[in-house]
Amino acid sequence: MSAEIESFVHALSDYVRMALPAGADADYCKEAVQILDARNGLFRSVGVHATDEEHDIYTLRSLCRLDEETFDFVPDEGRIRSVARNYF
């Protein structure tokens, strides 16, 4: 994978990790993130919103997976890599 993609995956994973409410169940999290500039890792919260790929908006829960050891929702790097294909 290219360095740009890895940088994007790392940046969006960090953003999602920080944006998820602590101890909250991602299934009930309705918050979304908009990718403003994928190459520079710029994102913004858009509040409660459905996924709208046309406008680069993704719900936090759609970018997460359940960690089998801790049962916490964590960023799903595989899903984020698939989102990266839209930009790189």
C-alpha atoms as a PDB file:
ATOM      1  CA  MET A   1       0.000   0.000   0.000  1.00  0.00           C
ATOM      2  CA  SER A   2       1.109   3.499  -0.646  1.00  0.00           C
ATOM      3  CA  ALA A   3       2.296   5.800   2.111  1.00  0.00           C
ATOM      4  CA  GLU A   4      -0.612   8.159   1.337  1.00  0.00           C
ATOM      5  CA  ILE A   5      -3.173   5.431   1.957  1.00  0.00           C
ATOM      6  CA  GLU A   6      -1.491   4.314   5.179  1.00  0.00           C
ATOM      7  CA  SER A   7      -1.369   7.919   6.375  1.00  0.00           C
ATOM      8  CA  PHE A   8      -5.082   8.338   5.595  1.00  0.00           C
ATOM      9  CA  VAL A   9      -6.011   5.081   7.368  1.00  0.00           C
ATOM     10  CA  HIS A  10      -4.014   6.089  10.438  1.00  0.00           C
ATOM     11  CA  ALA A  11      -5.478   9.623  10.523  1.00  0.00           C
ATOM     12  CA  LEU A  12      -9.100   8.528  10.076  1.00  0.00           C
ATOM     13  CA  SER A  13      -8.690   5.679  12.599  1.00  0.00           C
ATOM     14  CA  ASP A  14      -7.377   8.165  15.160  1.00  0.00           C
ATOM     15  CA  TYR A  15     -10.223  10.575  14.414  1.00  0.00           C
ATOM     16  CA  VAL A  16     -12.869   7.855  14.795  1.00  0.00           C
ATOM     17  CA  ARG A  17     -11.265   6.555  18.005  1.00  0.00           C
ATOM     18  CA  MET A  18     -11.366  10.030  19.561  1.00  0.00           C
ATOM     19  CA  ALA A  19     -14.864  10.827  18.255  1.00  0.00           C
ATOM     20  CA  LEU A  20     -16.527   7.704  19.666  1.00  0.00           C
ATOM     21  CA  PRO A  21     -18.141   8.475  22.998  1.00  0.00           C
ATOM     22  CA  ALA A  22     -16.183   6.739  25.779  1.00  0.00           C
ATOM     23  CA  GLY A  23     -17.859   3.502  26.812  1.00  0.00           C
ATOM     24  CA  ALA A  24     -20.704   4.003  24.343  1.00  0.00           C
ATOM     25  CA  ASP A  25     -22.055   1.329  22.077  1.00  0.00           C
ATOM     26  CA  ALA A  26     -21.242   2.300  18.489  1.00  0.00           C
ATOM     27  CA  ASP A  27     -24.541   0.756  17.365  1.00  0.00           C
ATOM     28  CA  TYR A  28     -26.316   3.616  19.090  1.00  0.00           C
ATOM     29  CA  CYS A  29     -23.881   6.294  17.953  1.00  0.00           C
ATOM     30  CA  LYS A  30     -25.524   8.331  15.196  1.00  0.00           C
ATOM     31  CA  GLU A  31     -22.655  10.808  14.783  1.00  0.00           C
ATOM     32  CA  ALA A  32     -20.941  11.084  11.409  1.00  0.00           C
ATOM     33  CA  VAL A  33     -17.676  12.369  10.006  1.00  0.00           C
ATOM     34  CA  GLN A  34     -17.080  14.159   6.721  1.00  0.00           C
ATOM     35  CA  ILE A  35     -13.811  13.732   4.879  1.00  0.00           C
ATOM     36  CA  LEU A  36     -12.811  17.211   3.781  1.00  0.00           C
ATOM     37  CA  ASP A  37      -9.332  16.491   2.400  1.00  0.00           C
ATOM     38  CA  ALA A  38      -8.187  12.872   2.322  1.00  0.00           C
ATOM     39  CA  ARG A  39      -4.607  13.662   1.291  1.00  0.00           C
ATOM     40  CA  ASN A  40      -4.088  15.976   4.246  1.00  0.00           C
ATOM     41  CA  GLY A  41      -6.195  14.016   6.746  1.00  0.00           C
ATOM     42  CA  LEU A  42      -8.800  16.724   7.308  1.00  0.00           C
ATOM     43  CA  PHE A  43     -12.117  15.600   8.770  1.00  0.00           C
ATOM     44  CA  ARG A  44     -15.021  17.263  10.532  1.00  0.00           C
ATOM     45  CA  SER A  45     -17.938  16.145  12.614  1.00  0.00           C
ATOM     46  CA  VAL A  46     -21.312  16.652  10.951  1.00  0.00           C
ATOM     47  CA  GLY A  47     -23.422  15.618  13.934  1.00  0.00           C
ATOM     48  CA  VAL A  48     -26.243  13.143  13.486  1.00  0.00           C
ATOM     49  CA  HIS A  49     -26.213  12.113   9.850  1.00  0.00           C
ATOM     50  CA  ALA A  50     -26.603   9.007   7.714  1.00  0.00           C
ATOM     51  CA  THR A  51     -23.757   7.755   5.538  1.00  0.00           C
ATOM     52  CA  ASP A  52     -23.699   9.733   2.286  1.00  0.00           C
ATOM     53  CA  GLU A  53     -20.712   8.665   0.211  1.00  0.00           C
ATOM     54  CA  GLU A  54     -21.547  11.219  -2.492  1.00  0.00           C
ATOM     55  CA  HIS A  55     -20.783  13.968   0.036  1.00  0.00           C
ATOM     56  CA  ASP A  56     -17.949  12.025   1.753  1.00  0.00           C
ATOM     57  CA  ILE A  57     -19.949  11.503   4.953  1.00  0.00           C
ATOM     58  CA  TYR A  58     -19.689   8.272   6.966  1.00  0.00           C
ATOM     59  CA  THR A  59     -21.323   7.341  10.262  1.00  0.00           C
ATOM     60  CA  LEU A  60     -18.821   6.507  12.979  1.00  0.00           C
ATOM     61  CA  ARG A  61     -20.430   3.117  13.482  1.00  0.00           C
ATOM     62  CA  SER A  62     -19.911   2.226   9.804  1.00  0.00           C
ATOM     63  CA  LEU A  63     -16.172   2.751  10.301  1.00  0.00           C
ATOM     64  CA  CYS A  64     -15.982   0.497  13.393  1.00  0.00           C
ATOM     65  CA  ARG A  65     -15.880  -3.157  14.330  1.00  0.00           C
ATOM     66  CA  LEU A  66     -16.355  -5.014  17.589  1.00  0.00           C
ATOM     67  CA  ASP A  67     -13.078  -5.989  19.251  1.00  0.00           C
ATOM     68  CA  GLU A  68     -13.514  -9.642  20.203  1.00  0.00           C
ATOM     69  CA  GLU A  69     -11.295  -9.391  23.280  1.00  0.00           C
ATOM     70  CA  THR A  70     -12.604  -6.213  24.897  1.00  0.00           C
ATOM     71  CA  PHE A  71     -16.069  -6.059  23.301  1.00  0.00           C
ATOM     72  CA  ASP A  72     -15.443  -2.380  22.590  1.00  0.00           C
ATOM     73  CA  PHE A  73     -16.068  -0.773  19.234  1.00  0.00           C
ATOM     74  CA  VAL A  74     -12.816   0.211  17.556  1.00  0.00           C
ATOM     75  CA  PRO A  75     -11.963   1.686  14.155  1.00  0.00           C
ATOM     76  CA  ASP A  76     -12.102  -0.961  11.415  1.00  0.00           C
ATOM     77  CA  GLU A  77      -8.943  -0.420   9.389  1.00  0.00           C
ATOM     78  CA  GLY A  78     -10.187  -2.757   6.662  1.00  0.00           C
ATOM     79  CA  ARG A  79     -13.312  -0.670   6.170  1.00  0.00           C
ATOM     80  CA  ILE A  80     -11.284   2.536   6.286  1.00  0.00           C
ATOM     81  CA  ARG A  81      -8.930   1.136   3.614  1.00  0.00           C
ATOM     82  CA  SER A  82     -11.960   0.473   1.412  1.00  0.00           C
ATOM     83  CA  VAL A  83     -13.052   4.102   1.916  1.00  0.00           C
ATOM     84  CA  ALA A  84      -9.520   5.191   0.946  1.00  0.00           C
ATOM     85  CA  ARG A  85     -10.040   3.640  -2.503  1.00  0.00           C
ATOM     86  CA  ASN A  86     -12.449   6.501  -3.232  1.00  0.00           C
ATOM     87  CA  TYR A  87      -9.628   9.006  -2.878  1.00  0.00           C
ATOM     88  CA  PHE A  88      -6.373   7.322  -3.915  1.00  0.00           C
END
